[in-house]
Amino acid sequence: VNGIEFFQYPPQDGGPVWGVRVDGTDLRAHTA
């Protein structure tokens, strides 16, 4: 089983943005 964390942060404009960490690493890093 993998670890999961959700987080929110402010984007450059607009409402909150949801981010995800899988096993402690941002999903954007895994994707890159």
All heavy atoms as atom14 arrays in JSON, in Angstrom:
{
  "sequence": "VNGIEFFQYPPQDGGPVWGVRVDGTDLRAHTA",
  "atom14_mask": [
    [1, 1, 1, 1, 1, 1, 1, 0, 0, 0, 0, 0, 0, 0],
    [1, 1, 1, 1, 1, 1, 1, 1, 0, 0, 0, 0, 0, 0],
    [1, 1, 1, 1, 0, 0, 0, 0, 0, 0, 0, 0, 0, 0],
    [1, 1, 1, 1, 1, 1, 1, 1, 0, 0, 0, 0, 0, 0],
    [1, 1, 1, 1, 1, 1, 1, 1, 1, 0, 0, 0, 0, 0],
    [1, 1, 1, 1, 1, 1, 1, 1, 1, 1, 1, 0, 0, 0],
    [1, 1, 1, 1, 1, 1, 1, 1, 1, 1, 1, 0, 0, 0],
    [1, 1, 1, 1, 1, 1, 1, 1, 1, 0, 0, 0, 0, 0],
    [1, 1, 1, 1, 1, 1, 1, 1, 1, 1, 1, 1, 0, 0],
    [1, 1, 1, 1, 1, 1, 1, 0, 0, 0, 0, 0, 0, 0],
    [1, 1, 1, 1, 1, 1, 1, 0, 0, 0, 0, 0, 0, 0],
    [1, 1, 1, 1, 1, 1, 1, 1, 1, 0, 0, 0, 0, 0],
    [1, 1, 1, 1, 1, 1, 1, 1, 0, 0, 0, 0, 0, 0],
    [1, 1, 1, 1, 0, 0, 0, 0, 0, 0, 0, 0, 0, 0],
    [1, 1, 1, 1, 0, 0, 0, 0, 0, 0, 0, 0, 0, 0],
    [1, 1, 1, 1, 1, 1, 1, 0, 0, 0, 0, 0, 0, 0],
    [1, 1, 1, 1, 1, 1, 1, 0, 0, 0, 0, 0, 0, 0],
    [1, 1, 1, 1, 1, 1, 1, 1, 1, 1, 1, 1, 1, 1],
    [1, 1, 1, 1, 0, 0, 0, 0, 0, 0, 0, 0, 0, 0],
    [1, 1, 1, 1, 1, 1, 1, 0, 0, 0, 0, 0, 0, 0],
    [1, 1, 1, 1, 1, 1, 1, 1, 1, 1, 1, 0, 0, 0],
    [1, 1, 1, 1, 1, 1, 1, 0, 0, 0, 0, 0, 0, 0],
    [1, 1, 1, 1, 1, 1, 1, 1, 0, 0, 0, 0, 0, 0],
    [1, 1, 1, 1, 0, 0, 0, 0, 0, 0, 0, 0, 0, 0],
    [1, 1, 1, 1, 1, 1, 1, 0, 0, 0, 0, 0, 0, 0],
    [1, 1, 1, 1, 1, 1, 1, 1, 0, 0, 0, 0, 0, 0],
    [1, 1, 1, 1, 1, 1, 1, 1, 0, 0, 0, 0, 0, 0],
    [1, 1, 1, 1, 1, 1, 1, 1, 1, 1, 1, 0, 0, 0],
    [1, 1, 1, 1, 1, 0, 0, 0, 0, 0, 0, 0, 0, 0],
    [1, 1, 1, 1, 1, 1, 1, 1, 1, 1, 0, 0, 0, 0],
    [1, 1, 1, 1, 1, 1, 1, 0, 0, 0, 0, 0, 0, 0],
    [1, 1, 1, 1, 1, 0, 0, 0, 0, 0, 0, 0, 0, 0]
  ],
  "atom14_positions": [
    [[0.84, -1.2, 0.0], [0.0, 0.0, 0.0], [0.88, 1.25, 0.0], [1.88, 1.31, 0.7], [-0.95, 0.0, 1.22], [-1.7, 1.3, 1.34], [-1.92, -1.17, 1.12], [0.0, 0.0, 0.0], [0.0, 0.0, 0.0], [0.0, 0.0, 0.0], [0.0, 0.0, 0.0], [0.0, 0.0, 0.0], [0.0, 0.0, 0.0], [0.0, 0.0, 0.0]],
    [[0.49, 2.22, -0.81], [1.21, 3.48, -0.9], [0.66, 4.48, 0.1], [-0.51, 4.42, 0.48], [1.07, 4.07, -2.3], [1.68, 3.18, -3.36], [0.99, 2.42, -4.01], [2.98, 3.27, -3.52], [0.0, 0.0, 0.0], [0.0, 0.0, 0.0], [0.0, 0.0, 0.0], [0.0, 0.0, 0.0], [0.0, 0.0, 0.0], [0.0, 0.0, 0.0]],
    [[1.5, 5.42, 0.49], [1.07, 6.52, 1.35], [0.44, 7.62, 0.51], [0.84, 7.85, -0.62], [0.0, 0.0, 0.0], [0.0, 0.0, 0.0], [0.0, 0.0, 0.0], [0.0, 0.0, 0.0], [0.0, 0.0, 0.0], [0.0, 0.0, 0.0], [0.0, 0.0, 0.0], [0.0, 0.0, 0.0], [0.0, 0.0, 0.0], [0.0, 0.0, 0.0]],
    [[-0.55, 8.3, 1.07], [-1.23, 9.38, 0.37], [-1.39, 10.59, 1.28], [-1.69, 10.42, 2.47], [-2.62, 8.93, -0.16], [-3.34, 10.03, -0.97], [-3.52, 8.47, 0.97], [-2.87, 10.14, -2.36], [0.0, 0.0, 0.0], [0.0, 0.0, 0.0], [0.0, 0.0, 0.0], [0.0, 0.0, 0.0], [0.0, 0.0, 0.0], [0.0, 0.0, 0.0]],
    [[-1.12, 11.75, 0.75], [-1.36, 13.01, 1.46], [-1.99, 13.98, 0.48], [-1.53, 14.08, -0.67], [-0.05, 13.64, 1.95], [0.77, 12.79, 2.89], [2.15, 13.39, 3.06], [2.24, 14.53, 3.57], [3.13, 12.73, 2.68], [0.0, 0.0, 0.0], [0.0, 0.0, 0.0], [0.0, 0.0, 0.0], [0.0, 0.0, 0.0], [0.0, 0.0, 0.0]],
    [[-3.02, 14.66, 0.9], [-3.6, 15.74, 0.11], [-3.24, 17.04, 0.8], [-3.14, 17.1, 2.02], [-5.12, 15.6, 0.03], [-5.57, 14.43, -0.81], [-5.91, 13.22, -0.22], [-5.65, 14.54, -2.19], [-6.32, 12.14, -0.98], [-6.06, 13.46, -2.96], [-6.4, 12.27, -2.37], [0.0, 0.0, 0.0], [0.0, 0.0, 0.0], [0.0, 0.0, 0.0]],
    [[-3.03, 18.07, -0.01], [-2.75, 19.39, 0.56], [-3.38, 20.44, -0.34], [-3.72, 20.16, -1.5], [-1.25, 19.63, 0.74], [-0.42, 19.47, -0.5], [-0.16, 20.55, -1.32], [0.12, 18.24, -0.84], [0.62, 20.41, -2.47], [0.9, 18.08, -1.98], [1.15, 19.18, -2.8], [0.0, 0.0, 0.0], [0.0, 0.0, 0.0], [0.0, 0.0, 0.0]],
    [[-3.58, 21.62, 0.22], [-4.1, 22.75, -0.54], [-3.11, 23.89, -0.45], [-2.46, 24.07, 0.58], [-5.45, 23.2, 0.0], [-6.55, 22.2, -0.19], [-7.88, 22.71, 0.36], [-7.95, 23.72, 1.04], [-8.93, 22.0, 0.04], [0.0, 0.0, 0.0], [0.0, 0.0, 0.0], [0.0, 0.0, 0.0], [0.0, 0.0, 0.0], [0.0, 0.0, 0.0]],
    [[-3.02, 24.65, -1.53], [-2.17, 25.84, -1.53], [-2.81, 26.87, -2.46], [-3.61, 26.51, -3.32], [-0.74, 25.51, -1.95], [-0.59, 24.92, -3.33], [-0.3, 25.72, -4.42], [-0.75, 23.55, -3.54], [-0.15, 25.18, -5.69], [-0.61, 23.01, -4.8], [-0.31, 23.83, -5.87], [-0.18, 23.28, -7.12], [0.0, 0.0, 0.0], [0.0, 0.0, 0.0]],
    [[-2.46, 28.14, -2.29], [-3.06, 29.16, -3.14], [-2.39, 29.19, -4.51], [-1.17, 29.16, -4.61], [-2.79, 30.47, -2.38], [-1.62, 30.17, -1.52], [-1.64, 28.71, -1.22], [0.0, 0.0, 0.0], [0.0, 0.0, 0.0], [0.0, 0.0, 0.0], [0.0, 0.0, 0.0], [0.0, 0.0, 0.0], [0.0, 0.0, 0.0], [0.0, 0.0, 0.0]],
    [[-3.19, 29.21, -5.58], [-2.61, 29.35, -6.92], [-2.25, 30.81, -7.16], [-2.44, 31.64, -6.28], [-3.75, 28.91, -7.84], [-4.96, 29.35, -7.09], [-4.64, 29.14, -5.62], [0.0, 0.0, 0.0], [0.0, 0.0, 0.0], [0.0, 0.0, 0.0], [0.0, 0.0, 0.0], [0.0, 0.0, 0.0], [0.0, 0.0, 0.0], [0.0, 0.0, 0.0]],
    [[-1.78, 31.08, -8.35], [-1.46, 32.47, -8.67], [-2.71, 33.34, -8.68], [-2.66, 34.51, -8.38], [-0.72, 32.55, -10.0], [0.63, 31.89, -9.9], [1.43, 32.04, -11.18], [1.05, 32.73, -12.1], [2.57, 31.39, -11.21], [0.0, 0.0, 0.0], [0.0, 0.0, 0.0], [0.0, 0.0, 0.0], [0.0, 0.0, 0.0], [0.0, 0.0, 0.0]],
    [[-3.86, 32.77, -9.03], [-5.14, 33.47, -8.92], [-6.25, 32.43, -8.82], [-6.1, 31.3, -9.22], [-5.38, 34.41, -10.1], [-5.27, 33.7, -11.45], [-5.16, 32.47, -11.5], [-5.28, 34.39, -12.47], [0.0, 0.0, 0.0], [0.0, 0.0, 0.0], [0.0, 0.0, 0.0], [0.0, 0.0, 0.0], [0.0, 0.0, 0.0], [0.0, 0.0, 0.0]],
    [[-7.36, 32.79, -8.22], [-8.49, 31.87, -8.1], [-8.55, 31.2, -6.75], [-7.91, 31.6, -5.79], [0.0, 0.0, 0.0], [0.0, 0.0, 0.0], [0.0, 0.0, 0.0], [0.0, 0.0, 0.0], [0.0, 0.0, 0.0], [0.0, 0.0, 0.0], [0.0, 0.0, 0.0], [0.0, 0.0, 0.0], [0.0, 0.0, 0.0], [0.0, 0.0, 0.0]],
    [[-9.36, 30.13, -6.67], [-9.59, 29.39, -5.44], [-8.46, 28.45, -5.11], [-7.47, 28.35, -5.84], [0.0, 0.0, 0.0], [0.0, 0.0, 0.0], [0.0, 0.0, 0.0], [0.0, 0.0, 0.0], [0.0, 0.0, 0.0], [0.0, 0.0, 0.0], [0.0, 0.0, 0.0], [0.0, 0.0, 0.0], [0.0, 0.0, 0.0], [0.0, 0.0, 0.0]],
    [[-8.58, 27.72, -4.02], [-7.49, 26.83, -3.6], [-7.23, 25.71, -4.61], [-8.1, 25.3, -5.34], [-7.99, 26.26, -2.27], [-9.46, 26.39, -2.32], [-9.75, 27.6, -3.17], [0.0, 0.0, 0.0], [0.0, 0.0, 0.0], [0.0, 0.0, 0.0], [0.0, 0.0, 0.0], [0.0, 0.0, 0.0], [0.0, 0.0, 0.0], [0.0, 0.0, 0.0]],
    [[-5.99, 25.28, -4.62], [-5.55, 24.2, -5.5], [-5.22, 22.99, -4.62], [-4.61, 23.13, -3.57], [-4.3, 24.63, -6.29], [-3.71, 23.48, -7.07], [-4.65, 25.78, -7.22], [0.0, 0.0, 0.0], [0.0, 0.0, 0.0], [0.0, 0.0, 0.0], [0.0, 0.0, 0.0], [0.0, 0.0, 0.0], [0.0, 0.0, 0.0], [0.0, 0.0, 0.0]],
    [[-5.65, 21.82, -5.07], [-5.36, 20.58, -4.36], [-4.12, 19.94, -4.93], [-4.01, 19.75, -6.15], [-6.52, 19.6, -4.53], [-7.71, 19.93, -3.71], [-8.64, 20.9, -3.97], [-8.12, 19.3, -2.51], [-9.59, 20.91, -2.99], [-9.31, 19.93, -2.09], [-7.59, 18.27, -1.75], [-9.98, 19.56, -0.94], [-8.27, 17.88, -0.61], [-9.44, 18.53, -0.21]],
    [[-3.2, 19.59, -4.06], [-2.02, 18.84, -4.45], [-2.04, 17.47, -3.79], [-2.83, 17.22, -2.88], [0.0, 0.0, 0.0], [0.0, 0.0, 0.0], [0.0, 0.0, 0.0], [0.0, 0.0, 0.0], [0.0, 0.0, 0.0], [0.0, 0.0, 0.0], [0.0, 0.0, 0.0], [0.0, 0.0, 0.0], [0.0, 0.0, 0.0], [0.0, 0.0, 0.0]],
    [[-1.16, 16.61, -4.27], [-1.11, 15.24, -3.77], [0.35, 14.82, -3.59], [1.19, 15.11, -4.44], [-1.76, 14.26, -4.78], [-1.74, 12.84, -4.23], [-3.16, 14.68, -5.14], [0.0, 0.0, 0.0], [0.0, 0.0, 0.0], [0.0, 0.0, 0.0], [0.0, 0.0, 0.0], [0.0, 0.0, 0.0], [0.0, 0.0, 0.0], [0.0, 0.0, 0.0]],
    [[0.61, 14.14, -2.49], [1.9, 13.47, -2.3], [1.63, 11.97, -2.25], [0.76, 11.52, -1.5], [2.57, 13.91, -1.01], [3.11, 15.31, -1.03], [3.89, 15.63, 0.25], [4.06, 17.05, 0.38], [3.36, 17.83, 1.22], [2.46, 17.3, 2.02], [3.58, 19.12, 1.25], [0.0, 0.0, 0.0], [0.0, 0.0, 0.0], [0.0, 0.0, 0.0]],
    [[2.4, 11.24, -3.02], [2.35, 9.77, -2.99], [3.67, 9.31, -2.4], [4.74, 9.67, -2.9], [2.12, 9.19, -4.39], [2.19, 7.66, -4.35], [0.79, 9.67, -4.97], [0.0, 0.0, 0.0], [0.0, 0.0, 0.0], [0.0, 0.0, 0.0], [0.0, 0.0, 0.0], [0.0, 0.0, 0.0], [0.0, 0.0, 0.0], [0.0, 0.0, 0.0]],
    [[3.6, 8.59, -1.32], [4.8, 8.11, -0.62], [5.74, 9.27, -0.28], [6.96, 9.17, -0.39], [5.53, 7.04, -1.43], [4.7, 5.78, -1.6], [3.86, 5.49, -0.71], [4.87, 5.09, -2.62], [0.0, 0.0, 0.0], [0.0, 0.0, 0.0], [0.0, 0.0, 0.0], [0.0, 0.0, 0.0], [0.0, 0.0, 0.0], [0.0, 0.0, 0.0]],
    [[5.14, 10.41, 0.09], [5.91, 11.57, 0.53], [6.44, 12.47, -0.57], [7.08, 13.48, -0.3], [0.0, 0.0, 0.0], [0.0, 0.0, 0.0], [0.0, 0.0, 0.0], [0.0, 0.0, 0.0], [0.0, 0.0, 0.0], [0.0, 0.0, 0.0], [0.0, 0.0, 0.0], [0.0, 0.0, 0.0], [0.0, 0.0, 0.0], [0.0, 0.0, 0.0]],
    [[6.18, 12.13, -1.84], [6.68, 12.91, -2.97], [5.51, 13.49, -3.76], [4.55, 12.79, -4.06], [7.54, 12.03, -3.91], [8.64, 11.51, -3.15], [8.07, 12.81, -5.09], [0.0, 0.0, 0.0], [0.0, 0.0, 0.0], [0.0, 0.0, 0.0], [0.0, 0.0, 0.0], [0.0, 0.0, 0.0], [0.0, 0.0, 0.0], [0.0, 0.0, 0.0]],
    [[5.63, 14.77, -4.09], [4.59, 15.46, -4.86], [4.32, 14.68, -6.15], [5.26, 14.28, -6.85], [5.08, 16.88, -5.17], [3.99, 17.82, -5.63], [3.3, 17.49, -6.63], [3.84, 18.89, -5.01], [0.0, 0.0, 0.0], [0.0, 0.0, 0.0], [0.0, 0.0, 0.0], [0.0, 0.0, 0.0], [0.0, 0.0, 0.0], [0.0, 0.0, 0.0]],
    [[3.04, 14.49, -6.48], [2.68, 13.77, -7.69], [3.25, 14.45, -8.93], [3.58, 13.8, -9.92], [1.15, 13.65, -7.8], [0.61, 12.86, -8.98], [1.14, 11.43, -8.99], [-0.91, 12.88, -8.97], [0.0, 0.0, 0.0], [0.0, 0.0, 0.0], [0.0, 0.0, 0.0], [0.0, 0.0, 0.0], [0.0, 0.0, 0.0], [0.0, 0.0, 0.0]],
    [[3.43, 15.77, -8.88], [4.03, 16.48, -10.01], [5.47, 16.04, -10.23], [5.93, 15.95, -11.37], [3.95, 17.99, -9.79], [2.51, 18.51, -9.79], [2.42, 19.96, -9.41], [2.78, 20.12, -8.0], [2.94, 21.3, -7.41], [2.8, 22.42, -8.1], [3.24, 21.37, -6.13], [0.0, 0.0, 0.0], [0.0, 0.0, 0.0], [0.0, 0.0, 0.0]],
    [[6.19, 15.75, -9.16], [7.57, 15.26, -9.29], [7.58, 13.86, -9.89], [8.38, 13.57, -10.8], [8.26, 15.25, -7.93], [0.0, 0.0, 0.0], [0.0, 0.0, 0.0], [0.0, 0.0, 0.0], [0.0, 0.0, 0.0], [0.0, 0.0, 0.0], [0.0, 0.0, 0.0], [0.0, 0.0, 0.0], [0.0, 0.0, 0.0], [0.0, 0.0, 0.0]],
    [[6.69, 12.98, -9.41], [6.59, 11.64, -10.01], [6.32, 11.77, -11.51], [6.91, 11.06, -12.33], [5.45, 10.84, -9.36], [5.72, 10.35, -7.98], [6.67, 9.4, -7.69], [5.12, 10.66, -6.8], [6.66, 9.14, -6.39], [5.73, 9.9, -5.83], [0.0, 0.0, 0.0], [0.0, 0.0, 0.0], [0.0, 0.0, 0.0], [0.0, 0.0, 0.0]],
    [[5.41, 12.68, -11.87], [5.01, 12.85, -13.26], [6.14, 13.41, -14.11], [6.36, 12.96, -15.25], [3.77, 13.77, -13.35], [2.73, 13.19, -12.55], [3.28, 13.93, -14.77], [0.0, 0.0, 0.0], [0.0, 0.0, 0.0], [0.0, 0.0, 0.0], [0.0, 0.0, 0.0], [0.0, 0.0, 0.0], [0.0, 0.0, 0.0], [0.0, 0.0, 0.0]],
    [[6.88, 14.37, -13.59], [8.01, 14.95, -14.33], [9.02, 13.87, -14.69], [9.48, 13.79, -15.83], [8.66, 16.07, -13.52], [0.0, 0.0, 0.0], [0.0, 0.0, 0.0], [0.0, 0.0, 0.0], [0.0, 0.0, 0.0], [0.0, 0.0, 0.0], [0.0, 0.0, 0.0], [0.0, 0.0, 0.0], [0.0, 0.0, 0.0], [0.0, 0.0, 0.0]]
  ]
}
